[in-house]
Amino acid sequence: MVEDFEQDDWDILDQSAKRVLVALSEFEKGQSVNVDLIHKKTGLMPEGLNDAVRHLSKSKLIDNPDPSKRHGPYDFYAVEITELGRQVLEKFG
């Protein structure tokens, strides 16, 4: 719940994670976005994008529907923003 996510939690998210969250928020609810499109929208290189996705996933702001699927140098294939992610972005973003 967004009440459990505080300003300090938002402040410790690095800029790359925030860029990914903003990019994912541009897509419809429940839509998985593949890594190529996330890379194009954010300009992040594999290491930075992998780190951002890992952090956002641990924070439950995004969901990786198929964690065993990977794409090239990326640790994931596609992710989607969660309802919590949308609420956090609306509240703090």
PDB file of N, CA and C in Angstrom:
ATOM      1  N   MET A   1       0.830  -1.180   0.000  1.00  0.00           N
ATOM      2  CA  MET A   1       0.000   0.000   0.000  1.00  0.00           C
ATOM      3  C   MET A   1       0.879   1.251   0.000  1.00  0.00           C
ATOM      4  N   VAL A   2       0.416   2.261  -0.666  1.00  0.00           N
ATOM      5  CA  VAL A   2       1.205   3.480  -0.812  1.00  0.00           C
ATOM      6  C   VAL A   2       1.491   4.126   0.542  1.00  0.00           C
ATOM      7  N   GLU A   3       0.633   3.881   1.531  1.00  0.00           N
ATOM      8  CA  GLU A   3       0.866   4.451   2.865  1.00  0.00           C
ATOM      9  C   GLU A   3       2.152   3.899   3.481  1.00  0.00           C
ATOM     10  N   ASP A   4       2.540   2.687   3.075  1.00  0.00           N
ATOM     11  CA  ASP A   4       3.760   2.065   3.596  1.00  0.00           C
ATOM     12  C   ASP A   4       5.020   2.587   2.907  1.00  0.00           C
ATOM     13  N   PHE A   5       4.852   3.319   1.835  1.00  0.00           N
ATOM     14  CA  PHE A   5       5.970   3.866   1.067  1.00  0.00           C
ATOM     15  C   PHE A   5       6.099   5.332   1.442  1.00  0.00           C
ATOM     16  N   GLU A   6       7.218   5.695   2.007  1.00  0.00           N
ATOM     17  CA  GLU A   6       7.388   7.055   2.529  1.00  0.00           C
ATOM     18  C   GLU A   6       8.299   7.893   1.635  1.00  0.00           C
ATOM     19  N   GLN A   7       8.332   9.177   1.898  1.00  0.00           N
ATOM     20  CA  GLN A   7       9.182  10.096   1.140  1.00  0.00           C
ATOM     21  C   GLN A   7      10.637   9.636   1.139  1.00  0.00           C
ATOM     22  N   ASP A   8      11.124   9.144   2.269  1.00  0.00           N
ATOM     23  CA  ASP A   8      12.507   8.652   2.345  1.00  0.00           C
ATOM     24  C   ASP A   8      12.736   7.490   1.389  1.00  0.00           C
ATOM     25  N   ASP A   9      11.735   6.614   1.253  1.00  0.00           N
ATOM     26  CA  ASP A   9      11.849   5.488   0.312  1.00  0.00           C
ATOM     27  C   ASP A   9      11.986   6.008  -1.121  1.00  0.00           C
ATOM     28  N   TRP A  10      11.206   7.041  -1.442  1.00  0.00           N
ATOM     29  CA  TRP A  10      11.269   7.646  -2.777  1.00  0.00           C
ATOM     30  C   TRP A  10      12.628   8.317  -2.995  1.00  0.00           C
ATOM     31  N   ASP A  11      13.090   9.018  -1.970  1.00  0.00           N
ATOM     32  CA  ASP A  11      14.343   9.760  -2.089  1.00  0.00           C
ATOM     33  C   ASP A  11      15.547   8.850  -2.319  1.00  0.00           C
ATOM     34  N   ILE A  12      15.511   7.620  -1.787  1.00  0.00           N
ATOM     35  CA  ILE A  12      16.672   6.730  -1.964  1.00  0.00           C
ATOM     36  C   ILE A  12      16.660   5.995  -3.301  1.00  0.00           C
ATOM     37  N   LEU A  13      15.541   6.074  -4.030  1.00  0.00           N
ATOM     38  CA  LEU A  13      15.536   5.491  -5.377  1.00  0.00           C
ATOM     39  C   LEU A  13      16.479   6.306  -6.254  1.00  0.00           C
ATOM     40  N   ASP A  14      17.357   5.632  -6.960  1.00  0.00           N
ATOM     41  CA  ASP A  14      18.265   6.395  -7.815  1.00  0.00           C
ATOM     42  C   ASP A  14      17.519   6.900  -9.054  1.00  0.00           C
ATOM     43  N   GLN A  15      18.137   7.832  -9.748  1.00  0.00           N
ATOM     44  CA  GLN A  15      17.501   8.464 -10.906  1.00  0.00           C
ATOM     45  C   GLN A  15      17.168   7.455 -12.006  1.00  0.00           C
ATOM     46  N   SER A  16      18.005   6.445 -12.162  1.00  0.00           N
ATOM     47  CA  SER A  16      17.742   5.430 -13.191  1.00  0.00           C
ATOM     48  C   SER A  16      16.450   4.685 -12.884  1.00  0.00           C
ATOM     49  N   ALA A  17      16.258   4.317 -11.629  1.00  0.00           N
ATOM     50  CA  ALA A  17      15.035   3.617 -11.235  1.00  0.00           C
ATOM     51  C   ALA A  17      13.820   4.507 -11.460  1.00  0.00           C
ATOM     52  N   LYS A  18      13.943   5.767 -11.141  1.00  0.00           N
ATOM     53  CA  LYS A  18      12.830   6.699 -11.350  1.00  0.00           C
ATOM     54  C   LYS A  18      12.524   6.848 -12.836  1.00  0.00           C
ATOM     55  N   ARG A  19      13.563   6.885 -13.665  1.00  0.00           N
ATOM     56  CA  ARG A  19      13.357   6.984 -15.119  1.00  0.00           C
ATOM     57  C   ARG A  19      12.602   5.773 -15.642  1.00  0.00           C
ATOM     58  N   VAL A  20      12.965   4.583 -15.147  1.00  0.00           N
ATOM     59  CA  VAL A  20      12.287   3.360 -15.575  1.00  0.00           C
ATOM     60  C   VAL A  20      10.828   3.389 -15.128  1.00  0.00           C
ATOM     61  N   LEU A  21      10.585   3.787 -13.897  1.00  0.00           N
ATOM     62  CA  LEU A  21       9.223   3.836 -13.380  1.00  0.00           C
ATOM     63  C   LEU A  21       8.360   4.809 -14.188  1.00  0.00           C
ATOM     64  N   VAL A  22       8.899   5.972 -14.484  1.00  0.00           N
ATOM     65  CA  VAL A  22       8.167   6.963 -15.289  1.00  0.00           C
ATOM     66  C   VAL A  22       7.880   6.395 -16.679  1.00  0.00           C
ATOM     67  N   ALA A  23       8.868   5.767 -17.291  1.00  0.00           N
ATOM     68  CA  ALA A  23       8.679   5.191 -18.630  1.00  0.00           C
ATOM     69  C   ALA A  23       7.585   4.122 -18.606  1.00  0.00           C
ATOM     70  N   LEU A  24       7.590   3.264 -17.607  1.00  0.00           N
ATOM     71  CA  LEU A  24       6.586   2.199 -17.518  1.00  0.00           C
ATOM     72  C   LEU A  24       5.189   2.760 -17.261  1.00  0.00           C
ATOM     73  N   SER A  25       5.121   3.895 -16.581  1.00  0.00           N
ATOM     74  CA  SER A  25       3.816   4.485 -16.258  1.00  0.00           C
ATOM     75  C   SER A  25       3.100   4.994 -17.504  1.00  0.00           C
ATOM     76  N   GLU A  26       3.822   5.155 -18.600  1.00  0.00           N
ATOM     77  CA  GLU A  26       3.228   5.644 -19.838  1.00  0.00           C
ATOM     78  C   GLU A  26       2.424   4.568 -20.563  1.00  0.00           C
ATOM     79  N   PHE A  27       2.531   3.323 -20.081  1.00  0.00           N
ATOM     80  CA  PHE A  27       1.827   2.216 -20.723  1.00  0.00           C
ATOM     81  C   PHE A  27       0.578   1.856 -19.930  1.00  0.00           C
ATOM     82  N   GLU A  28      -0.355   1.198 -20.608  1.00  0.00           N
ATOM     83  CA  GLU A  28      -1.615   0.830 -19.978  1.00  0.00           C
ATOM     84  C   GLU A  28      -1.391  -0.115 -18.808  1.00  0.00           C
ATOM     85  N   LYS A  29      -2.292  -0.065 -17.872  1.00  0.00           N
ATOM     86  CA  LYS A  29      -2.268  -0.928 -16.707  1.00  0.00           C
ATOM     87  C   LYS A  29      -2.259  -2.393 -17.150  1.00  0.00           C
ATOM     88  N   GLY A  30      -1.359  -3.173 -16.583  1.00  0.00           N
ATOM     89  CA  GLY A  30      -1.267  -4.593 -16.894  1.00  0.00           C
ATOM     90  C   GLY A  30      -0.460  -4.923 -18.136  1.00  0.00           C
ATOM     91  N   GLN A  31       0.069  -3.928 -18.820  1.00  0.00           N
ATOM     92  CA  GLN A  31       0.845  -4.169 -20.038  1.00  0.00           C
ATOM     93  C   GLN A  31       2.308  -4.382 -19.694  1.00  0.00           C
ATOM     94  N   SER A  32       2.847  -5.536 -20.106  1.00  0.00           N
ATOM     95  CA  SER A  32       4.277  -5.784 -19.946  1.00  0.00           C
ATOM     96  C   SER A  32       5.026  -5.050 -21.043  1.00  0.00           C
ATOM     97  N   VAL A  33       6.139  -4.446 -20.669  1.00  0.00           N
ATOM     98  CA  VAL A  33       6.940  -3.662 -21.616  1.00  0.00           C
ATOM     99  C   VAL A  33       8.285  -4.356 -21.765  1.00  0.00           C
ATOM    100  N   ASN A  34       8.650  -4.652 -23.022  1.00  0.00           N
ATOM    101  CA  ASN A  34       9.893  -5.407 -23.217  1.00  0.00           C
ATOM    102  C   ASN A  34      11.127  -4.519 -23.060  1.00  0.00           C
ATOM    103  N   VAL A  35      12.227  -5.190 -22.815  1.00  0.00           N
ATOM    104  CA  VAL A  35      13.478  -4.513 -22.482  1.00  0.00           C
ATOM    105  C   VAL A  35      13.934  -3.551 -23.574  1.00  0.00           C
ATOM    106  N   ASP A  36      13.728  -3.903 -24.835  1.00  0.00           N
ATOM    107  CA  ASP A  36      14.157  -3.022 -25.926  1.00  0.00           C
ATOM    108  C   ASP A  36      13.435  -1.672 -25.863  1.00  0.00           C
ATOM    109  N   LEU A  37      12.153  -1.711 -25.566  1.00  0.00           N
ATOM    110  CA  LEU A  37      11.368  -0.482 -25.489  1.00  0.00           C
ATOM    111  C   LEU A  37      11.763   0.338 -24.259  1.00  0.00           C
ATOM    112  N   ILE A  38      12.014  -0.341 -23.145  1.00  0.00           N
ATOM    113  CA  ILE A  38      12.447   0.372 -21.934  1.00  0.00           C
ATOM    114  C   ILE A  38      13.796   1.037 -22.186  1.00  0.00           C
ATOM    115  N   HIS A  39      14.689   0.324 -22.850  1.00  0.00           N
ATOM    116  CA  HIS A  39      16.007   0.890 -23.182  1.00  0.00           C
ATOM    117  C   HIS A  39      15.842   2.138 -24.055  1.00  0.00           C
ATOM    118  N   LYS A  40      14.974   2.057 -25.070  1.00  0.00           N
ATOM    119  CA  LYS A  40      14.757   3.201 -25.962  1.00  0.00           C
ATOM    120  C   LYS A  40      14.180   4.402 -25.213  1.00  0.00           C
ATOM    121  N   LYS A  41      13.244   4.151 -24.300  1.00  0.00           N
ATOM    122  CA  LYS A  41      12.593   5.247 -23.575  1.00  0.00           C
ATOM    123  C   LYS A  41      13.497   5.873 -22.515  1.00  0.00           C
ATOM    124  N   THR A  42      14.406   5.079 -21.933  1.00  0.00           N
ATOM    125  CA  THR A  42      15.231   5.590 -20.836  1.00  0.00           C
ATOM    126  C   THR A  42      16.660   5.915 -21.245  1.00  0.00           C
ATOM    127  N   GLY A  43      17.148   5.264 -22.292  1.00  0.00           N
ATOM    128  CA  GLY A  43      18.539   5.447 -22.710  1.00  0.00           C
ATOM    129  C   GLY A  43      19.538   4.761 -21.792  1.00  0.00           C
ATOM    130  N   LEU A  44      19.042   3.949 -20.864  1.00  0.00           N
ATOM    131  CA  LEU A  44      19.942   3.281 -19.908  1.00  0.00           C
ATOM    132  C   LEU A  44      20.633   2.088 -20.548  1.00  0.00           C
ATOM    133  N   MET A  45      21.874   1.905 -20.184  1.00  0.00           N
ATOM    134  CA  MET A  45      22.654   0.769 -20.663  1.00  0.00           C
ATOM    135  C   MET A  45      22.317  -0.448 -19.803  1.00  0.00           C
ATOM    136  N   PRO A  46      22.698  -1.658 -20.247  1.00  0.00           N
ATOM    137  CA  PRO A  46      22.290  -2.881 -19.559  1.00  0.00           C
ATOM    138  C   PRO A  46      22.542  -2.896 -18.045  1.00  0.00           C
ATOM    139  N   GLU A  47      23.719  -2.524 -17.596  1.00  0.00           N
ATOM    140  CA  GLU A  47      24.009  -2.593 -16.158  1.00  0.00           C
ATOM    141  C   GLU A  47      23.088  -1.681 -15.357  1.00  0.00           C
ATOM    142  N   GLY A  48      22.916  -0.454 -15.817  1.00  0.00           N
ATOM    143  CA  GLY A  48      22.051   0.494 -15.124  1.00  0.00           C
ATOM    144  C   GLY A  48      20.588   0.085 -15.165  1.00  0.00           C
ATOM    145  N   LEU A  49      20.165  -0.446 -16.292  1.00  0.00           N
ATOM    146  CA  LEU A  49      18.778  -0.881 -16.430  1.00  0.00           C
ATOM    147  C   LEU A  49      18.515  -2.118 -15.569  1.00  0.00           C
ATOM    148  N   ASN A  50      19.460  -3.052 -15.560  1.00  0.00           N
ATOM    149  CA  ASN A  50      19.325  -4.244 -14.707  1.00  0.00           C
ATOM    150  C   ASN A  50      19.233  -3.853 -13.239  1.00  0.00           C
ATOM    151  N   ASP A  51      20.094  -2.936 -12.807  1.00  0.00           N
ATOM    152  CA  ASP A  51      20.074  -2.487 -11.405  1.00  0.00           C
ATOM    153  C   ASP A  51      18.749  -1.811 -11.063  1.00  0.00           C
ATOM    154  N   ALA A  52      18.277  -0.952 -11.949  1.00  0.00           N
ATOM    155  CA  ALA A  52      17.026  -0.234 -11.706  1.00  0.00           C
ATOM    156  C   ALA A  52      15.854  -1.206 -11.602  1.00  0.00           C
ATOM    157  N   VAL A  53      15.788  -2.157 -12.512  1.00  0.00           N
ATOM    158  CA  VAL A  53      14.704  -3.137 -12.503  1.00  0.00           C
ATOM    159  C   VAL A  53      14.775  -4.006 -11.251  1.00  0.00           C
ATOM    160  N   ARG A  54      15.960  -4.400 -10.862  1.00  0.00           N
ATOM    161  CA  ARG A  54      16.121  -5.217  -9.654  1.00  0.00           C
ATOM    162  C   ARG A  54      15.626  -4.442  -8.419  1.00  0.00           C
ATOM    163  N   HIS A  55      16.006  -3.191  -8.311  1.00  0.00           N
ATOM    164  CA  HIS A  55      15.612  -2.380  -7.156  1.00  0.00           C
ATOM    165  C   HIS A  55      14.096  -2.130  -7.143  1.00  0.00           C
ATOM    166  N   LEU A  56      13.538  -1.775  -8.294  1.00  0.00           N
ATOM    167  CA  LEU A  56      12.105  -1.511  -8.384  1.00  0.00           C
ATOM    168  C   LEU A  56      11.291  -2.772  -8.098  1.00  0.00           C
ATOM    169  N   SER A  57      11.798  -3.899  -8.545  1.00  0.00           N
ATOM    170  CA  SER A  57      11.115  -5.165  -8.311  1.00  0.00           C
ATOM    171  C   SER A  57      11.122  -5.516  -6.818  1.00  0.00           C
ATOM    172  N   LYS A  58      12.265  -5.338  -6.162  1.00  0.00           N
ATOM    173  CA  LYS A  58      12.352  -5.607  -4.723  1.00  0.00           C
ATOM    174  C   LYS A  58      11.433  -4.684  -3.933  1.00  0.00           C
ATOM    175  N   SER A  59      11.236  -3.475  -4.422  1.00  0.00           N
ATOM    176  CA  SER A  59      10.356  -2.505  -3.765  1.00  0.00           C
ATOM    177  C   SER A  59       8.889  -2.721  -4.125  1.00  0.00           C
ATOM    178  N   LYS A  60       8.632  -3.712  -4.991  1.00  0.00           N
ATOM    179  CA  LYS A  60       7.274  -4.051  -5.444  1.00  0.00           C
ATOM    180  C   LYS A  60       6.614  -2.931  -6.257  1.00  0.00           C
ATOM    181  N   LEU A  61       7.447  -2.112  -6.881  1.00  0.00           N
ATOM    182  CA  LEU A  61       6.928  -1.031  -7.724  1.00  0.00           C
ATOM    183  C   LEU A  61       6.719  -1.500  -9.156  1.00  0.00           C
ATOM    184  N   ILE A  62       7.419  -2.565  -9.530  1.00  0.00           N
ATOM    185  CA  ILE A  62       7.225  -3.191 -10.838  1.00  0.00           C
ATOM    186  C   ILE A  62       7.155  -4.697 -10.628  1.00  0.00           C
ATOM    187  N   ASP A  63       6.662  -5.388 -11.643  1.00  0.00           N
ATOM    188  CA  ASP A  63       6.553  -6.840 -11.604  1.00  0.00           C
ATOM    189  C   ASP A  63       7.225  -7.411 -12.838  1.00  0.00           C
ATOM    190  N   ASN A  64       7.975  -8.484 -12.612  1.00  0.00           N
ATOM    191  CA  ASN A  64       8.587  -9.218 -13.707  1.00  0.00           C
ATOM    192  C   ASN A  64       7.795 -10.517 -13.847  1.00  0.00           C
ATOM    193  N   PRO A  65       6.851 -10.561 -14.800  1.00  0.00           N
ATOM    194  CA  PRO A  65       5.948 -11.707 -14.891  1.00  0.00           C
ATOM    195  C   PRO A  65       6.639 -13.032 -15.224  1.00  0.00           C
ATOM    196  N   ASP A  66       7.804 -12.993 -15.835  1.00  0.00           N
ATOM    197  CA  ASP A  66       8.509 -14.230 -16.178  1.00  0.00           C
ATOM    198  C   ASP A  66       9.999 -14.057 -15.891  1.00  0.00           C
ATOM    199  N   PRO A  67      10.401 -14.172 -14.604  1.00  0.00           N
ATOM    200  CA  PRO A  67      11.794 -13.902 -14.222  1.00  0.00           C
ATOM    201  C   PRO A  67      12.820 -14.841 -14.851  1.00  0.00           C
ATOM    202  N   SER A  68      12.389 -15.986 -15.353  1.00  0.00           N
ATOM    203  CA  SER A  68      13.345 -16.908 -15.970  1.00  0.00           C
ATOM    204  C   SER A  68      13.694 -16.484 -17.399  1.00  0.00           C
ATOM    205  N   LYS A  69      12.902 -15.619 -17.989  1.00  0.00           N
ATOM    206  CA  LYS A  69      13.119 -15.157 -19.359  1.00  0.00           C
ATOM    207  C   LYS A  69      14.055 -13.958 -19.353  1.00  0.00           C
ATOM    208  N   ARG A  70      15.095 -14.015 -20.182  1.00  0.00           N
ATOM    209  CA  ARG A  70      16.072 -12.924 -20.267  1.00  0.00           C
ATOM    210  C   ARG A  70      16.292 -12.537 -21.725  1.00  0.00           C
ATOM    211  N   HIS A  71      16.896 -11.380 -21.913  1.00  0.00           N
ATOM    212  CA  HIS A  71      17.118 -10.899 -23.273  1.00  0.00           C
ATOM    213  C   HIS A  71      18.521 -10.299 -23.370  1.00  0.00           C
ATOM    214  N   GLY A  72      19.396 -10.952 -24.117  1.00  0.00           N
ATOM    215  CA  GLY A  72      20.765 -10.456 -24.317  1.00  0.00           C
ATOM    216  C   GLY A  72      21.465 -10.177 -23.003  1.00  0.00           C
ATOM    217  N   PRO A  73      22.045  -8.985 -22.853  1.00  0.00           N
ATOM    218  CA  PRO A  73      22.788  -8.661 -21.630  1.00  0.00           C
ATOM    219  C   PRO A  73      21.885  -8.261 -20.450  1.00  0.00           C
ATOM    220  N   TYR A  74      20.586  -8.327 -20.669  1.00  0.00           N
ATOM    221  CA  TYR A  74      19.645  -7.912 -19.624  1.00  0.00           C
ATOM    222  C   TYR A  74      19.226  -9.109 -18.779  1.00  0.00           C
ATOM    223  N   ASP A  75      18.949  -8.857 -17.506  1.00  0.00           N
ATOM    224  CA  ASP A  75      18.546  -9.903 -16.570  1.00  0.00           C
ATOM    225  C   ASP A  75      17.042 -10.167 -16.611  1.00  0.00           C
ATOM    226  N   PHE A  76      16.352  -9.585 -17.559  1.00  0.00           N
ATOM    227  CA  PHE A  76      14.902  -9.735 -17.669  1.00  0.00           C
ATOM    228  C   PHE A  76      14.511  -9.550 -19.127  1.00  0.00           C
ATOM    229  N   TYR A  77      13.266  -9.911 -19.445  1.00  0.00           N
ATOM    230  CA  TYR A  77      12.770  -9.729 -20.795  1.00  0.00           C
ATOM    231  C   TYR A  77      11.726  -8.610 -20.866  1.00  0.00           C
ATOM    232  N   ALA A  78      10.808  -8.610 -19.896  1.00  0.00           N
ATOM    233  CA  ALA A  78       9.750  -7.596 -19.873  1.00  0.00           C
ATOM    234  C   ALA A  78       9.270  -7.415 -18.438  1.00  0.00           C
ATOM    235  N   VAL A  79       8.833  -6.204 -18.125  1.00  0.00           N
ATOM    236  CA  VAL A  79       8.301  -5.897 -16.796  1.00  0.00           C
ATOM    237  C   VAL A  79       7.078  -5.003 -16.952  1.00  0.00           C
ATOM    238  N   GLU A  80       6.328  -4.886 -15.874  1.00  0.00           N
ATOM    239  CA  GLU A  80       5.188  -3.969 -15.881  1.00  0.00           C
ATOM    240  C   GLU A  80       5.137  -3.244 -14.548  1.00  0.00           C
ATOM    241  N   ILE A  81       4.613  -2.042 -14.575  1.00  0.00           N
ATOM    242  CA  ILE A  81       4.469  -1.258 -13.355  1.00  0.00           C
ATOM    243  C   ILE A  81       3.292  -1.828 -12.554  1.00  0.00           C
ATOM    244  N   THR A  82       3.433  -1.895 -11.256  1.00  0.00           N
ATOM    245  CA  THR A  82       2.354  -2.367 -10.392  1.00  0.00           C
ATOM    246  C   THR A  82       1.438  -1.203 -10.017  1.00  0.00           C
ATOM    247  N   GLU A  83       0.326  -1.526  -9.416  1.00  0.00           N
ATOM    248  CA  GLU A  83      -0.579  -0.484  -8.935  1.00  0.00           C
ATOM    249  C   GLU A  83       0.133   0.366  -7.881  1.00  0.00           C
ATOM    250  N   LEU A  84       0.921  -0.292  -7.021  1.00  0.00           N
ATOM    251  CA  LEU A  84       1.703   0.448  -6.024  1.00  0.00           C
ATOM    252  C   LEU A  84       2.671   1.401  -6.711  1.00  0.00           C
ATOM    253  N   GLY A  85       3.309   0.940  -7.769  1.00  0.00           N
ATOM    254  CA  GLY A  85       4.229   1.797  -8.523  1.00  0.00           C
ATOM    255  C   GLY A  85       3.541   3.037  -9.069  1.00  0.00           C
ATOM    256  N   ARG A  86       2.352   2.852  -9.589  1.00  0.00           N
ATOM    257  CA  ARG A  86       1.584   4.001 -10.115  1.00  0.00           C
ATOM    258  C   ARG A  86       1.212   4.964  -8.986  1.00  0.00           C
ATOM    259  N   GLN A  87       0.789   4.403  -7.846  1.00  0.00           N
ATOM    260  CA  GLN A  87       0.397   5.249  -6.726  1.00  0.00           C
ATOM    261  C   GLN A  87       1.593   6.016  -6.166  1.00  0.00           C
ATOM    262  N   VAL A  88       2.738   5.350  -6.056  1.00  0.00           N
ATOM    263  CA  VAL A  88       3.948   6.004  -5.536  1.00  0.00           C
ATOM    264  C   VAL A  88       4.376   7.121  -6.480  1.00  0.00           C
ATOM    265  N   LEU A  89       4.343   6.850  -7.770  1.00  0.00           N
ATOM    266  CA  LEU A  89       4.725   7.864  -8.752  1.00  0.00           C
ATOM    267  C   LEU A  89       3.780   9.053  -8.694  1.00  0.00           C
ATOM    268  N   GLU A  90       2.508   8.783  -8.537  1.00  0.00           N
ATOM    269  CA  GLU A  90       1.518   9.865  -8.444  1.00  0.00           C
ATOM    270  C   GLU A  90       1.750  10.698  -7.170  1.00  0.00           C
ATOM    271  N   LYS A  91       2.087  10.038  -6.083  1.00  0.00           N
ATOM    272  CA  LYS A  91       2.248  10.732  -4.818  1.00  0.00           C
ATOM    273  C   LYS A  91       3.583  11.485  -4.701  1.00  0.00           C
ATOM    274  N   PHE A  92       4.668  10.876  -5.188  1.00  0.00           N
ATOM    275  CA  PHE A  92       6.002  11.452  -4.980  1.00  0.00           C
ATOM    276  C   PHE A  92       6.681  11.937  -6.257  1.00  0.00           C
ATOM    277  N   GLY A  93       6.245  11.455  -7.409  1.00  0.00           N
ATOM    278  CA  GLY A  93       6.951  11.711  -8.653  1.00  0.00           C
ATOM    279  C   GLY A  93       6.803  13.078  -9.218  1.00  0.00           C
TER     280      GLY A  93
END
